[in-house]
N, C-alpha and C. Protein backbone atom coordinates (compact mmCIF):
# COMPACT_ATOMS: atom_id res chain seq x y z
N MET A 1 -113.36 57.04 -6.29
CA MET A 1 -114.75 57.51 -6.14
C MET A 1 -115.59 56.38 -6.62
N SER A 2 -116.55 56.10 -5.82
CA SER A 2 -117.61 54.99 -6.15
C SER A 2 -118.85 55.59 -6.94
N HIS A 3 -119.36 54.78 -7.70
CA HIS A 3 -120.63 55.28 -8.30
C HIS A 3 -121.78 54.34 -8.03
N THR A 4 -123.01 54.85 -8.18
CA THR A 4 -124.14 54.06 -7.87
C THR A 4 -124.74 53.42 -9.18
N ILE A 5 -125.24 52.22 -9.18
CA ILE A 5 -125.81 51.54 -10.43
C ILE A 5 -127.07 50.95 -9.89
N ASN A 6 -128.05 51.10 -10.70
CA ASN A 6 -129.26 50.39 -10.51
C ASN A 6 -129.64 49.24 -11.35
N ALA A 7 -130.08 48.22 -10.91
CA ALA A 7 -130.37 47.19 -11.76
C ALA A 7 -131.72 46.44 -11.36
N ARG A 8 -132.42 45.79 -12.12
CA ARG A 8 -133.70 45.05 -11.87
C ARG A 8 -133.22 43.60 -11.74
N ILE A 9 -133.62 42.86 -10.57
CA ILE A 9 -133.33 41.47 -10.65
C ILE A 9 -134.65 40.69 -10.41
N PRO A 10 -134.77 39.49 -10.86
CA PRO A 10 -136.03 38.70 -10.53
C PRO A 10 -136.07 38.39 -9.18
N PRO A 11 -137.39 38.06 -8.59
CA PRO A 11 -137.53 37.72 -7.25
C PRO A 11 -136.72 36.54 -6.86
N ARG A 12 -136.58 35.44 -7.72
CA ARG A 12 -135.86 34.29 -7.24
C ARG A 12 -134.35 34.73 -6.93
N VAL A 13 -133.78 35.63 -7.83
CA VAL A 13 -132.31 36.01 -7.50
C VAL A 13 -132.25 36.89 -6.32
N GLU A 14 -133.37 37.85 -6.16
CA GLU A 14 -133.24 38.54 -4.94
C GLU A 14 -133.37 37.77 -3.62
N GLN A 15 -134.12 36.67 -3.74
CA GLN A 15 -134.34 35.71 -2.51
C GLN A 15 -132.91 35.06 -2.18
N LYS A 16 -132.29 34.54 -3.31
CA LYS A 16 -131.01 33.90 -3.06
C LYS A 16 -129.89 34.85 -2.63
N LEU A 17 -129.94 36.09 -3.02
CA LEU A 17 -129.18 37.09 -2.57
C LEU A 17 -129.47 37.42 -1.14
N ALA A 18 -130.62 37.57 -0.80
CA ALA A 18 -130.93 37.81 0.83
C ALA A 18 -130.49 36.67 1.57
N GLU A 19 -130.57 35.45 1.19
CA GLU A 19 -130.18 34.22 1.93
C GLU A 19 -128.64 34.21 1.98
N TYR A 20 -128.02 34.47 0.91
CA TYR A 20 -126.55 34.46 0.97
C TYR A 20 -126.03 35.65 1.90
N CYS A 21 -126.66 36.65 1.82
CA CYS A 21 -126.08 37.83 2.71
C CYS A 21 -126.38 37.55 4.18
N ALA A 22 -127.54 36.83 4.52
CA ALA A 22 -127.89 36.54 5.96
C ALA A 22 -126.92 35.48 6.41
N LYS A 23 -126.59 34.55 5.54
CA LYS A 23 -125.68 33.43 5.91
C LYS A 23 -124.24 33.96 6.03
N SER A 24 -123.88 34.82 5.03
CA SER A 24 -122.55 35.28 5.05
C SER A 24 -122.13 36.53 5.88
N GLY A 25 -123.07 37.07 6.24
CA GLY A 25 -122.87 38.45 7.01
C GLY A 25 -122.35 39.42 6.26
N VAL A 26 -122.74 39.59 4.91
CA VAL A 26 -122.26 40.70 3.96
C VAL A 26 -123.55 41.39 3.62
N THR A 27 -123.41 42.76 3.19
CA THR A 27 -124.45 43.55 2.71
C THR A 27 -124.70 43.07 1.31
N ARG A 28 -125.83 43.48 0.88
CA ARG A 28 -126.21 43.26 -0.51
C ARG A 28 -125.10 43.83 -1.48
N SER A 29 -124.89 45.02 -1.26
CA SER A 29 -123.89 45.70 -2.02
C SER A 29 -122.63 44.93 -2.11
N GLN A 30 -121.97 44.53 -0.95
CA GLN A 30 -120.77 43.72 -1.00
C GLN A 30 -120.99 42.51 -1.83
N ALA A 31 -121.96 41.78 -1.63
CA ALA A 31 -122.27 40.62 -2.36
C ALA A 31 -122.30 40.71 -3.82
N VAL A 32 -122.98 41.74 -4.19
CA VAL A 32 -123.21 42.07 -5.74
C VAL A 32 -121.82 42.55 -6.35
N LEU A 33 -121.21 43.34 -5.64
CA LEU A 33 -119.73 43.83 -5.94
C LEU A 33 -118.85 42.75 -6.22
N ARG A 34 -118.79 41.72 -5.26
CA ARG A 34 -117.89 40.61 -5.45
C ARG A 34 -118.38 39.63 -6.62
N ALA A 35 -119.52 39.50 -6.69
CA ALA A 35 -120.07 38.58 -7.81
C ALA A 35 -119.68 39.22 -9.13
N LEU A 36 -119.91 40.57 -9.28
CA LEU A 36 -119.66 41.15 -10.50
C LEU A 36 -118.19 41.25 -10.78
N GLU A 37 -117.40 41.54 -9.73
CA GLU A 37 -115.86 41.37 -10.01
C GLU A 37 -115.50 40.02 -10.50
N GLU A 38 -115.97 38.93 -9.88
CA GLU A 38 -115.59 37.67 -10.20
C GLU A 38 -116.06 37.38 -11.60
N TYR A 39 -117.22 37.70 -12.04
CA TYR A 39 -117.77 37.62 -13.25
C TYR A 39 -116.86 38.23 -14.31
N LEU A 40 -116.54 39.55 -14.16
CA LEU A 40 -115.72 40.22 -15.12
C LEU A 40 -114.18 39.72 -15.14
N ASP A 41 -113.75 39.24 -14.06
CA ASP A 41 -112.43 38.79 -14.15
C ASP A 41 -112.32 37.36 -14.87
N LYS A 42 -113.34 36.63 -14.66
CA LYS A 42 -113.49 35.24 -15.50
C LYS A 42 -113.64 35.68 -16.98
N ALA A 43 -114.37 36.64 -17.36
CA ALA A 43 -114.57 37.16 -18.77
C ALA A 43 -113.34 37.51 -19.27
N GLU A 44 -112.40 38.18 -18.49
CA GLU A 44 -111.12 38.58 -19.08
C GLU A 44 -110.16 37.62 -19.04
N GLY A 45 -110.39 36.41 -18.45
CA GLY A 45 -109.36 35.46 -18.55
C GLY A 45 -108.81 35.14 -17.26
N GLY A 46 -109.33 35.77 -16.24
CA GLY A 46 -108.73 35.46 -14.77
C GLY A 46 -108.45 36.80 -14.06
N ALA A 47 -108.29 36.46 -12.81
CA ALA A 47 -108.02 37.69 -11.88
C ALA A 47 -106.64 37.83 -11.75
N ASP A 48 -106.24 39.14 -11.45
CA ASP A 48 -104.84 39.38 -10.97
C ASP A 48 -104.63 39.02 -9.56
N ALA A 49 -103.41 39.08 -9.04
CA ALA A 49 -102.97 38.68 -7.86
C ALA A 49 -103.76 39.52 -6.80
N PHE A 50 -103.74 40.96 -7.09
CA PHE A 50 -104.36 41.85 -6.12
C PHE A 50 -105.84 41.57 -5.93
N ALA A 51 -106.53 41.15 -6.93
CA ALA A 51 -108.10 40.89 -7.08
C ALA A 51 -108.25 39.74 -6.05
N LEU A 52 -107.40 38.82 -6.25
CA LEU A 52 -107.59 37.51 -5.48
C LEU A 52 -107.26 37.66 -3.97
N ALA A 53 -106.48 38.69 -3.56
CA ALA A 53 -106.18 38.72 -2.28
C ALA A 53 -106.95 39.96 -1.65
N ALA A 54 -107.73 40.79 -2.49
CA ALA A 54 -108.38 41.86 -1.93
C ALA A 54 -109.24 41.64 -0.87
N ASP A 55 -110.06 40.56 -0.85
CA ASP A 55 -110.94 40.24 0.30
C ASP A 55 -110.25 39.84 1.59
N LEU A 56 -108.85 39.54 1.56
CA LEU A 56 -108.23 39.00 2.56
C LEU A 56 -107.50 40.19 3.27
N ILE A 57 -107.45 41.34 2.67
CA ILE A 57 -106.84 42.53 3.29
C ILE A 57 -107.81 43.32 4.10
N PRO A 58 -107.48 43.47 5.43
CA PRO A 58 -108.38 44.32 6.34
C PRO A 58 -108.39 45.90 5.78
N ALA A 59 -109.51 46.30 6.13
CA ALA A 59 -109.92 47.84 5.56
C ALA A 59 -108.85 48.71 6.13
N LYS A 60 -108.39 48.53 7.56
CA LYS A 60 -107.66 49.30 8.22
C LYS A 60 -106.12 48.80 8.21
N GLY A 61 -105.75 47.82 7.32
CA GLY A 61 -104.47 47.23 7.39
C GLY A 61 -104.40 46.18 8.37
N ALA A 62 -103.19 45.57 8.53
CA ALA A 62 -102.96 44.48 9.44
C ALA A 62 -102.15 45.13 10.61
N PRO A 63 -102.41 45.54 11.78
CA PRO A 63 -101.52 46.13 12.54
C PRO A 63 -100.34 45.25 12.98
N ASP A 64 -100.46 44.07 12.95
CA ASP A 64 -99.34 43.16 13.34
C ASP A 64 -98.17 43.17 12.31
N VAL A 65 -98.58 43.71 11.17
CA VAL A 65 -97.61 43.73 9.91
C VAL A 65 -97.19 45.10 9.64
N GLN A 66 -97.37 46.22 10.50
CA GLN A 66 -97.24 47.47 10.21
C GLN A 66 -95.63 47.80 10.23
N ALA A 67 -95.15 48.80 9.49
CA ALA A 67 -93.70 49.00 9.27
C ALA A 67 -93.02 49.28 10.61
N GLU A 68 -93.74 49.87 11.50
CA GLU A 68 -92.90 50.08 12.85
C GLU A 68 -92.63 48.79 13.60
N LYS A 69 -93.33 47.70 13.26
CA LYS A 69 -93.16 46.59 13.98
C LYS A 69 -92.38 45.45 13.20
N VAL A 70 -91.65 45.92 12.00
CA VAL A 70 -91.06 45.02 11.17
C VAL A 70 -89.89 44.29 11.99
N ARG A 71 -89.13 45.07 12.72
CA ARG A 71 -88.05 44.42 13.41
C ARG A 71 -88.32 43.47 14.48
N GLU A 72 -89.52 43.78 15.25
CA GLU A 72 -90.05 42.91 16.14
C GLU A 72 -90.52 41.61 15.48
N ILE A 73 -91.13 41.63 14.34
CA ILE A 73 -91.61 40.52 13.73
C ILE A 73 -90.50 39.70 13.00
N ALA A 74 -89.39 40.45 12.69
CA ALA A 74 -88.28 39.66 12.16
C ALA A 74 -87.65 38.97 13.29
N ARG A 75 -87.38 39.57 14.41
CA ARG A 75 -86.71 38.91 15.50
C ARG A 75 -87.57 37.54 15.85
N ARG A 76 -88.79 37.75 16.06
CA ARG A 76 -89.65 36.52 16.35
C ARG A 76 -89.51 35.50 15.33
N ALA A 77 -89.55 35.82 14.08
CA ALA A 77 -89.56 34.84 12.93
C ALA A 77 -88.21 34.07 12.98
N PHE A 78 -87.06 34.74 13.29
CA PHE A 78 -85.69 34.28 13.17
C PHE A 78 -85.14 33.64 14.50
N ARG A 79 -85.90 33.89 15.64
CA ARG A 79 -85.48 33.59 16.87
C ARG A 79 -85.65 32.08 16.95
N GLY A 80 -84.77 31.38 17.65
CA GLY A 80 -84.84 29.96 17.68
C GLY A 80 -83.60 29.43 18.24
N SER A 81 -83.55 28.11 18.22
CA SER A 81 -82.35 27.52 18.85
C SER A 81 -81.02 27.91 17.90
N ARG A 82 -80.06 28.17 18.47
CA ARG A 82 -78.83 28.34 17.79
C ARG A 82 -77.91 27.33 17.93
N ALA A 83 -77.67 26.36 16.97
CA ALA A 83 -76.87 25.32 17.07
C ALA A 83 -75.42 25.67 16.75
N ARG A 84 -74.62 25.55 17.71
CA ARG A 84 -73.08 25.92 17.38
C ARG A 84 -72.33 24.90 17.44
């Protein structure tokens, strides 16, 4: 469950946020959430492996690595010249 939080930010920070969002193609909420997570991770002494990879994981999963395709992926990975 997500919660809403309200915060006041100075105009210069809002301008920087707007420029970042336009350049990066993310929403203000996404940018603020990422920045807050990074800040809190650094305050705790570093991020865990999941937090570091969370931005790389697609929202709907990676179809080319789904369980039903495991055999096909393995065959492609191990297929190659067989020296005898």
